[in-house]
Amino acid sequence: EPPLPARDEGAGGDSSEARQGGCSAEARALIDAALQDLRDSGATIYDHHAHIAGIGHSDSGCCIHSSMTGQYAAWLHPLRRAKFWVFMKASGIQQMDLDEEVVDRAYIERLVRMLRAIRDIHGVPIKMFVLALDSWYEEDGSVNVEKTGIFIPNDWIFKLVSEYPDVLLPTCSVHPYRNDAADELQRCYDQGARLCKWLPNSMGMDPSHKKCDIFFAKMKELGMVLLSHTGREHSIDIQPIQSLGNPMLLRHPLDKGVKVIAAHCASEGCDADLDTGSQKSTSSFDLWVRLMEQEEYKGLLFADISATTAFRRLGKPLTTILSRGDLHPRLVHGSDYPVPAIRLVVRTSSLLKNGYITEEQKAPLDEIYEYNPLLFDLVVKRTIKSPETGTKYPPTLFGRNDGLSELYPEENEKPQQPPPQQPQQQSPKQQEESREKERETS
């Protein structure tokens, strides 16, 4: 394995996230085109899907399966180990962070720097829901460590949000098979969590199982929202059960009156059509579209667009999502960070080849990726258009969704804020001073 880069070399999108002064005029113009209507509205961007990673440094309580980090992982599980290193580098983790045992802290500090750069340099307020991930639990309520790919404790999320309340919002992750599931959900609600994250394929819960009934009743009582992965899962695949990502399993919480955000719009993979009882492989995406079109689920079923620009999800899924303007009011923004920082996954060459961007847009997007992958993800999603209809995502998709008002309690209470100052209206002298300040901060 090659060593991680030294701290002054940058990693996975460059460590100097705040250097807009180093951007070309073309890149700055594309950023302005993508963000201008968001600036004008004064609305806050909400990222509803971003991952926290950690290996247990800084008393985080996080842990990753030994097949990715153990002494002999490179020999016994080379693909898992390689995937671990890809995510480490994409997240900006550097050799000194490992040597000093500060990986968990370095991860969040870089994430916060990128968020604040979008707000302070590019003039758009932004807040991010950072995701906890519970362990794998069996039906008898026991935890299964060997099947747990990654564990991100609820308390670590609450600690991070308390330290960076200007840009982070809390979520929780509670496995419904836990013996204390309802109590833990209440505790997390009391700590400010309104969104509960599930990754059924990798956590082992079946959303249609009767053991979830008490849990869903508690969610409905508290007015919490479920964010559940749909479709195939690649990132955390220790012993995955891919069939648990079938979007049709979400009928159960929906029928119980729980609001659900279907992560990724089930835009990859195939599942059984549970409506017909057929085991024939059917596009997970088509099953998700069917659920979205059902009248009884309007106002209950939503979806996020996280990871939908990944190369495996181009074609019918992304084109349909862009073209179906009738679905846009029920979609929310999500980055799935650190995925946008992985060049092999989000490829501007593939976006160009499939007609989502133009040749003139490709080079500036590549440049934006190099200094702020989160900004890159945002600009990509504000730039792409359907190759069939020319439809783009509306700016309202990137703000709060009124159908999910439970998620934004502090915004429900605060008075409307005036739009932020627009940095592109500075005089040439002011622009040069701002760039000098950016170079100092980077």
Foldseek 3Di string as FASTA:
>chain_A
DDAFADLCPWFLQGLLQQQPVPADPLLVVLLCVLCVVLLQVQFEFEAEAAEQADPCFPNQPKHFACCQPPPCNCPPPVVSVVLSVLQCRNLGNHNVCVVVRNSRVSSVVSVVVLQVSCCPVFQHHYAYEYAFEDAAADLQQHGDSQLGGMGGAQVSQLVSCVVVVRHYAYAHEAALSHPCRLVVVVVSVVSHHQEYEDECQRRVDQLQDPSCVVVLVSNVVSVGAYEYEAAADDNRPSPTDRQSRQPVSCVRSVVVVHAYAHEQLNLYHWAADVVVPGRPTDRSNVVSVVVLPDPSCVLRYAYENELCQWLRRPDPNVLVVQPPPVRLLRYAYHHHPPVLSRCNTRPLVSCCVSPFADPSVSVSLVSSSNNRSVSSSSSSQSRGHRNVPRGGRDPVRRGDRPSSVSRCVVVVPDDRDRRGDRVVPDDPVVVVVVSVVSVVVD
